[in-house]
């Protein structure tokens, strides 16, 4: 495959990869589908700044006019932010049509991993990963993020799986697929808005160096797939579990009543939870993404050593 036919790297990202500098990938679904304008653009630019502050080069990833792009300009981020949900939410299945029809796509965790791997980027920071949805034993609603973690050699740094999901089944699925779930400084899986979920991670590691060494060992042994590093939301922004769980339960009831399905479920639930918590969940979301970006940059720096 001639990657130049499909993939474009920004000059900064291209130079960093060629010179062996640490690079951190960032998704774009959070820009177009995860937050309202202008907070989405402000957050995206702040996350890039946080990665630079911690010694790495940011590579925000998206599909723009049919090109797989690693490294966006501020103007391109503004474009995605203003267009919002008018941009397709792009998973693996969507790439052939988006590319061939010269369309835009906001990349999910799965698609960001794919494009990062094509570009040679090993570390990716996001908010939370998708997983097994509540009621999936009936609906079979399971995020493609989990399959991508099983097949694509990229480390994903996140604040755990979104608490709108069935966290126990999500961990079981990852275990079946052989994906290591690491708790950064914690034995317990973070639940996105809250620091604890009641479920244990596979291993606790306490420094960026330890995480980098584990990922390098995984890749050098040829085990395949990626690694999930879960980083709790900072204590001061962690939400009351009772408040957030009540909001999630109400949002799930509302989604079922309205018949919200498929790829629209997660954006609807996150938006509804924001409404029900008076915006508190949006502030937590922004802070945990910045926290994950700082950790991912530190891991990328150690990995390059």
Foldseek 3Di string as FASTA:
>chain_A
DPLVLAEDEDPVLLVCVVVLFFEAEEFFCCQQQVDAPPVSLVLVVVLQVLLVVLGYGYFYWWQAQQHTYTRDDSVVSVVSNVCHPVAAADAPVCNVVCNVRRGIYGYALLVSLVNCQVSVHAEYEYEAHFAAAVVCVPVVDGDCNLVSQLAGRHEYEYQYHALRGDRVRRQVSNVVSVAAEEEAVDQARGHRLANHDPHGGPYYDHALLVVLVVSVVCVVVVVHGYYYYHYHQPPVLRDDPVQLVVQSVVQVVVCVVVVPDDPRNVSSSSVSSCVSVVNSSVVSSSRRSSVRSSSRSRNSNSNSD
